[in-house]
N, C-alpha and C. Protein backbone atom coordinates (compact mmCIF):
# COMPACT_ATOMS: atom_id res chain seq x y z
N MET A 1 0.90 -1.17 -0.07
CA MET A 1 0.01 -0.10 0.11
C MET A 1 0.89 1.32 0.02
N PHE A 2 1.93 1.21 0.54
CA PHE A 2 2.87 2.45 0.47
C PHE A 2 3.31 2.79 -0.61
N ALA A 3 3.54 1.61 -1.58
CA ALA A 3 4.01 1.93 -2.84
C ALA A 3 3.05 2.66 -3.73
N TRP A 4 1.56 2.48 -3.58
CA TRP A 4 0.70 3.22 -4.25
C TRP A 4 0.53 4.66 -3.92
N TYR A 5 0.96 5.02 -2.67
CA TYR A 5 1.12 6.60 -2.30
C TYR A 5 2.29 7.21 -3.18
N VAL A 6 3.32 6.46 -3.22
CA VAL A 6 4.46 6.84 -3.87
C VAL A 6 4.19 7.07 -5.26
N LYS A 7 3.58 5.92 -5.89
CA LYS A 7 3.56 6.04 -7.28
C LYS A 7 2.54 7.10 -7.84
N THR A 8 1.28 7.31 -6.98
CA THR A 8 0.25 8.34 -7.38
C THR A 8 0.59 9.63 -6.98
N GLY A 9 1.35 9.85 -5.88
CA GLY A 9 1.76 10.99 -5.27
C GLY A 9 0.50 11.70 -4.41
N LYS A 10 -0.43 10.86 -4.05
CA LYS A 10 -1.57 11.37 -3.34
C LYS A 10 -1.06 11.20 -1.89
N GLN A 11 -1.62 12.03 -1.15
CA GLN A 11 -1.43 12.11 0.55
C GLN A 11 -2.35 11.10 1.16
N TYR A 12 -3.18 10.53 0.68
CA TYR A 12 -4.12 9.72 1.49
C TYR A 12 -4.99 8.85 0.32
N SER A 13 -5.26 7.61 0.65
CA SER A 13 -6.14 6.91 -0.20
C SER A 13 -7.51 7.22 -0.09
N GLY A 14 -8.48 6.65 -0.83
CA GLY A 14 -9.91 6.65 -0.63
C GLY A 14 -10.39 5.88 0.68
N GLN A 15 -9.69 5.01 0.85
CA GLN A 15 -10.03 3.92 1.94
C GLN A 15 -9.98 4.81 3.33
N THR A 16 -9.01 5.79 3.54
CA THR A 16 -8.65 6.40 4.74
C THR A 16 -9.33 7.56 4.81
N GLU A 17 -9.77 8.15 3.49
CA GLU A 17 -10.44 9.56 3.64
C GLU A 17 -11.81 9.57 4.31
N GLU A 18 -11.97 10.61 5.36
CA GLU A 18 -13.10 10.55 6.00
C GLU A 18 -14.19 11.14 5.08
N ILE A 19 -15.50 10.66 5.15
CA ILE A 19 -16.42 11.00 4.17
C ILE A 19 -17.23 12.12 5.15
N ARG A 20 -17.91 13.19 4.49
CA ARG A 20 -18.49 14.21 5.22
C ARG A 20 -19.57 13.95 6.06
N VAL A 21 -20.39 12.65 5.51
CA VAL A 21 -21.44 12.36 6.45
C VAL A 21 -20.95 11.61 7.63
N THR A 22 -19.81 10.97 7.60
CA THR A 22 -19.10 10.52 8.81
C THR A 22 -18.85 11.55 9.65
N LYS A 23 -18.27 12.54 9.20
CA LYS A 23 -17.73 13.83 10.04
C LYS A 23 -18.91 14.27 10.74
N PHE A 24 -20.09 14.48 10.03
CA PHE A 24 -21.27 15.07 10.80
C PHE A 24 -21.77 14.11 11.78
N GLY A 25 -21.86 12.94 11.28
CA GLY A 25 -22.45 11.99 12.29
C GLY A 25 -21.48 11.81 13.47
N ALA A 26 -20.14 11.95 13.48
CA ALA A 26 -19.22 11.91 14.56
C ALA A 26 -19.41 13.07 15.39
N ALA A 27 -19.62 14.20 14.83
CA ALA A 27 -19.90 15.60 15.55
C ALA A 27 -21.12 15.55 16.24
N PHE A 28 -22.26 14.97 15.64
CA PHE A 28 -23.54 14.79 16.47
C PHE A 28 -23.45 13.88 17.40
N VAL A 29 -22.84 12.85 17.23
CA VAL A 29 -22.74 11.85 18.43
C VAL A 29 -21.78 12.42 19.64
N SER A 30 -20.75 13.14 19.13
CA SER A 30 -19.91 13.75 20.33
C SER A 30 -20.68 14.62 21.22
N LEU A 31 -21.83 15.34 20.59
CA LEU A 31 -22.58 16.18 21.31
C LEU A 31 -23.69 15.64 22.32
N VAL A 32 -23.98 14.34 21.75
CA VAL A 32 -24.83 13.61 22.57
C VAL A 32 -24.24 12.64 23.61
N GLN A 33 -22.97 12.09 23.10
CA GLN A 33 -22.30 11.23 23.94
C GLN A 33 -20.77 11.81 23.85
N PRO A 34 -20.41 12.65 24.68
CA PRO A 34 -19.04 13.25 24.79
C PRO A 34 -18.02 12.45 25.03
N VAL A 35 -16.92 12.31 24.34
CA VAL A 35 -15.87 11.52 24.47
C VAL A 35 -15.06 11.78 25.68
N HIS A 36 -14.89 10.79 26.62
CA HIS A 36 -14.32 11.01 27.79
C HIS A 36 -12.78 10.52 27.82
N THR A 37 -11.79 11.25 28.42
CA THR A 37 -10.66 10.84 28.62
C THR A 37 -10.45 9.97 29.72
N VAL A 38 -9.30 9.25 30.15
CA VAL A 38 -9.09 8.62 31.34
C VAL A 38 -9.41 9.28 32.56
N ARG A 39 -8.81 10.49 32.56
CA ARG A 39 -8.99 11.50 33.56
C ARG A 39 -10.45 12.07 33.77
N SER A 40 -11.09 12.25 32.73
CA SER A 40 -12.36 12.65 32.89
C SER A 40 -13.33 11.47 33.25
N ILE A 41 -13.04 10.13 32.89
CA ILE A 41 -13.73 9.02 33.36
C ILE A 41 -13.61 8.89 34.75
N LYS A 42 -12.33 9.13 35.38
CA LYS A 42 -12.35 8.85 36.78
C LYS A 42 -12.92 9.74 37.51
N TYR A 43 -12.94 11.17 36.98
CA TYR A 43 -13.66 12.23 37.76
C TYR A 43 -15.32 11.98 37.67
N LEU A 44 -15.70 11.46 36.54
CA LEU A 44 -17.23 11.19 36.11
C LEU A 44 -17.68 9.92 37.17
N GLU A 45 -16.57 9.13 37.33
CA GLU A 45 -17.02 7.89 38.37
C GLU A 45 -17.00 8.50 39.73
N ILE A 46 -16.14 9.38 40.10
CA ILE A 46 -16.22 9.96 41.45
C ILE A 46 -17.56 10.80 41.69
N GLU A 47 -17.80 11.62 40.67
CA GLU A 47 -19.09 12.42 40.62
C GLU A 47 -20.27 11.54 40.85
N LYS A 48 -20.39 10.35 40.10
CA LYS A 48 -21.45 9.54 40.07
C LYS A 48 -21.68 8.85 41.60
N ALA A 49 -20.37 8.46 42.03
CA ALA A 49 -20.51 7.93 43.46
C ALA A 49 -21.05 8.85 44.32
N ILE A 50 -20.63 10.10 44.41
CA ILE A 50 -21.05 11.28 45.31
C ILE A 50 -22.55 11.48 45.14
N VAL A 51 -22.91 11.29 43.88
CA VAL A 51 -24.49 11.46 43.52
C VAL A 51 -25.33 10.39 44.29
N ALA A 52 -24.67 9.10 44.07
CA ALA A 52 -25.34 8.02 44.51
C ALA A 52 -25.48 8.11 46.11
N ASN A 53 -24.41 8.40 46.78
CA ASN A 53 -24.30 8.54 48.16
C ASN A 53 -25.30 9.46 48.80
N LEU A 54 -25.23 10.80 47.96
CA LEU A 54 -26.34 11.83 48.42
C LEU A 54 -27.84 11.32 48.20
N GLN A 55 -28.11 10.63 47.25
CA GLN A 55 -29.29 10.09 46.86
C GLN A 55 -29.80 9.16 47.90
N ALA A 56 -28.85 8.20 48.27
CA ALA A 56 -29.10 7.24 49.32
C ALA A 56 -29.44 7.94 50.57
N ASN A 57 -28.77 8.86 51.09
CA ASN A 57 -28.94 9.59 52.25
C ASN A 57 -30.17 10.30 52.00
N LEU A 58 -30.59 10.94 51.07
CA LEU A 58 -31.95 11.61 50.91
C LEU A 58 -33.19 10.64 50.92
N ASP A 59 -32.96 9.37 50.27
CA ASP A 59 -34.00 8.25 50.40
C ASP A 59 -33.93 7.93 51.80
N GLU A 60 -33.04 7.76 52.65
CA GLU A 60 -32.94 7.27 54.01
C GLU A 60 -33.73 8.39 54.72
N VAL A 61 -33.46 9.74 54.53
CA VAL A 61 -34.22 10.68 55.41
C VAL A 61 -35.73 10.73 54.88
N ASN A 62 -35.85 10.45 53.80
CA ASN A 62 -37.28 10.67 53.25
C ASN A 62 -38.26 9.36 53.89
N ARG A 63 -37.47 8.29 53.98
CA ARG A 63 -38.00 7.13 54.54
C ARG A 63 -38.35 7.30 56.10
N THR A 64 -37.53 7.93 56.70
CA THR A 64 -37.53 8.09 58.19
C THR A 64 -38.65 8.98 58.40
N LYS A 65 -38.58 10.12 57.51
CA LYS A 65 -39.87 11.22 57.62
C LYS A 65 -41.27 10.47 57.51
N LEU A 66 -41.40 9.59 56.50
CA LEU A 66 -42.48 8.93 56.39
C LEU A 66 -42.96 8.09 57.33
N MET A 67 -41.88 7.30 57.70
CA MET A 67 -42.23 6.46 58.98
C MET A 67 -42.77 7.33 60.23
N ASN A 68 -42.18 8.37 60.51
CA ASN A 68 -42.48 9.26 61.65
C ASN A 68 -43.90 9.63 61.39
N ASP A 69 -44.17 9.90 60.19
CA ASP A 69 -45.54 10.63 59.93
C ASP A 69 -46.67 9.48 60.03
N GLN A 70 -46.19 8.31 59.58
CA GLN A 70 -47.15 7.24 59.81
C GLN A 70 -47.31 6.87 61.26
N ALA A 71 -46.38 6.98 62.03
CA ALA A 71 -46.30 6.57 63.40
C ALA A 71 -47.35 7.67 64.22
N ALA A 72 -47.10 9.01 63.70
CA ALA A 72 -48.06 9.96 64.36
C ALA A 72 -49.58 9.89 63.89
N ARG A 73 -49.60 9.46 62.65
CA ARG A 73 -51.22 9.04 62.23
C ARG A 73 -51.65 7.98 62.98
N ASP A 74 -50.93 6.84 63.04
CA ASP A 74 -51.36 5.43 63.86
C ASP A 74 -51.66 6.15 65.23
N ASP A 75 -50.77 6.74 65.78
CA ASP A 75 -51.12 7.16 67.10
C ASP A 75 -52.34 7.86 67.35
N PHE A 76 -52.74 8.87 66.49
CA PHE A 76 -53.87 9.82 66.39
C PHE A 76 -55.07 8.74 66.29
N TRP A 77 -54.99 7.71 65.48
CA TRP A 77 -56.15 6.99 65.12
C TRP A 77 -56.50 6.09 66.43
N GLN A 78 -55.36 5.56 66.87
CA GLN A 78 -55.44 4.88 68.17
C GLN A 78 -56.21 5.49 69.36
N ARG A 79 -55.69 6.90 69.54
CA ARG A 79 -56.22 7.67 70.55
C ARG A 79 -57.49 8.07 70.26
N ARG A 80 -57.99 8.33 69.00
CA ARG A 80 -59.29 8.52 68.77
C ARG A 80 -60.30 7.46 68.74
N ASP A 81 -59.79 6.22 68.47
CA ASP A 81 -60.73 4.98 68.62
C ASP A 81 -60.84 4.71 70.07
N ALA A 82 -59.93 5.09 70.99
CA ALA A 82 -59.92 4.86 72.54
C ALA A 82 -60.70 5.91 73.05
N GLY A 83 -61.15 7.06 72.48
CA GLY A 83 -61.97 7.99 72.76
C GLY A 83 -61.40 9.18 73.60
N LEU A 84 -59.97 9.27 73.36
CA LEU A 84 -59.15 10.34 74.08
C LEU A 84 -59.06 11.55 73.39
N ILE A 85 -59.35 11.58 72.16
CA ILE A 85 -59.22 12.77 71.11
C ILE A 85 -60.13 13.87 71.27
N GLN A 86 -61.43 13.41 71.38
CA GLN A 86 -62.62 14.38 71.61
C GLN A 86 -62.32 15.44 72.80
N ALA A 87 -61.87 14.80 73.94
CA ALA A 87 -61.76 15.70 74.93
C ALA A 87 -60.59 16.71 74.84
N ASN A 88 -59.51 16.15 74.19
CA ASN A 88 -58.29 16.94 73.88
C ASN A 88 -58.90 18.06 72.70
N LEU A 89 -59.62 17.63 71.59
CA LEU A 89 -60.06 18.63 70.70
C LEU A 89 -60.82 19.76 71.27
N ASP A 90 -61.60 19.36 72.37
CA ASP A 90 -62.47 20.47 72.89
C ASP A 90 -61.43 21.38 73.73
N ASP A 91 -60.55 20.91 74.43
CA ASP A 91 -59.60 21.77 75.16
C ASP A 91 -58.82 22.66 74.05
N VAL A 92 -58.44 22.29 72.98
CA VAL A 92 -57.78 22.81 71.96
C VAL A 92 -58.73 23.93 71.42
N LYS A 93 -59.90 23.63 71.26
CA LYS A 93 -60.82 24.70 70.53
C LYS A 93 -61.14 25.73 71.67
N GLN A 94 -61.28 25.35 72.75
CA GLN A 94 -61.53 26.32 73.86
C GLN A 94 -60.17 27.16 74.14
N ASN A 95 -59.10 26.76 74.07
CA ASN A 95 -58.14 27.41 74.23
C ASN A 95 -57.75 28.40 73.09
N LYS A 96 -58.02 28.04 71.83
CA LYS A 96 -57.90 28.91 70.57
C LYS A 96 -58.90 30.06 70.73
N LEU A 97 -60.37 29.77 71.25
CA LEU A 97 -61.12 30.69 71.21
C LEU A 97 -60.77 31.91 72.35
N MET A 98 -60.22 31.39 73.50
CA MET A 98 -59.68 32.08 74.63
C MET A 98 -58.56 33.10 74.05
N ASN A 99 -57.64 32.50 73.22
CA ASN A 99 -56.53 33.16 72.77
C ASN A 99 -57.07 34.35 71.72
N ASP A 100 -58.01 33.89 70.90
CA ASP A 100 -58.45 34.95 69.82
C ASP A 100 -59.30 36.21 70.73
N GLN A 101 -59.94 35.78 71.68
CA GLN A 101 -60.64 36.67 72.62
C GLN A 101 -59.58 37.70 73.15
N ALA A 102 -58.48 37.05 73.72
CA ALA A 102 -57.55 38.00 74.32
C ALA A 102 -56.93 38.85 73.19
N ALA A 103 -56.57 38.34 71.99
CA ALA A 103 -56.09 39.15 71.00
C ALA A 103 -57.04 40.21 70.64
N ARG A 104 -58.35 39.99 70.57
CA ARG A 104 -59.28 41.13 70.39
C ARG A 104 -59.44 42.17 71.36
N ASP A 105 -59.28 41.73 72.66
CA ASP A 105 -59.43 42.59 73.71
C ASP A 105 -58.00 43.47 73.80
N ASP A 106 -56.89 42.86 73.41
CA ASP A 106 -55.69 43.55 73.47
C ASP A 106 -55.73 44.70 72.17
N PHE A 107 -56.36 44.15 71.18
CA PHE A 107 -56.46 45.21 69.99
C PHE A 107 -57.20 46.40 70.37
N TRP A 108 -58.54 46.13 70.91
CA TRP A 108 -59.33 47.22 71.44
C TRP A 108 -58.82 48.20 72.53
N GLN A 109 -58.00 47.54 73.44
CA GLN A 109 -57.50 48.26 74.55
C GLN A 109 -56.34 49.21 74.00
N ARG A 110 -55.59 48.74 73.05
CA ARG A 110 -54.48 49.46 72.35
C ARG A 110 -55.01 50.69 71.34
N ARG A 111 -56.28 50.21 70.68
CA ARG A 111 -56.97 51.20 69.89
C ARG A 111 -57.44 52.48 70.81
N ASP A 112 -58.16 52.01 72.03
CA ASP A 112 -58.53 52.95 72.77
C ASP A 112 -57.52 53.75 73.42
N ALA A 113 -56.38 53.30 73.58
CA ALA A 113 -55.29 54.14 74.18
C ALA A 113 -54.61 54.82 73.08
N GLY A 114 -54.93 54.62 71.84
CA GLY A 114 -54.33 55.40 70.76
C GLY A 114 -52.90 54.78 70.29
N LEU A 115 -52.63 53.57 70.71
CA LEU A 115 -51.39 52.90 70.38
C LEU A 115 -51.35 52.45 69.00
N SER A 116 -52.36 52.06 68.39
CA SER A 116 -52.44 51.17 67.26
C SER A 116 -52.47 52.31 66.10
C-alpha cells in the first residue's frame, strides 16, 4: 500500500479519507455522547459515586420522615378510637377561642389608648 502512495503522489487513499457524512455523524454523536479521557472518566465515576451517596442519604431521610408521619397518624387513630381525642380537641378549641378573645381585647385596648 505504501508503494501506491509513492506512485500516485496522493497524500491519502480513498480508504482512509473521512466522508463528510461520517464527520457530521461523529460531531452529532460527540454532542450527545461526549468522548471522555481517562482522567475525565475517573472524575465522572467520582461524581456518580457522590451523587449515589447523596441520593441514598436523601432516600433514608425521606423514609424516616414517612415512617415518623405514619407513626403519628397511627397514634392519632389509636387515641381517637380509644375516645381520648375528643376531650383534647375540645380543650384545643376552647384554648384557641380564649386566645382569639384575648387578642381582640388587646387590640381594642390599644386602639382606645391610641397605640394602634
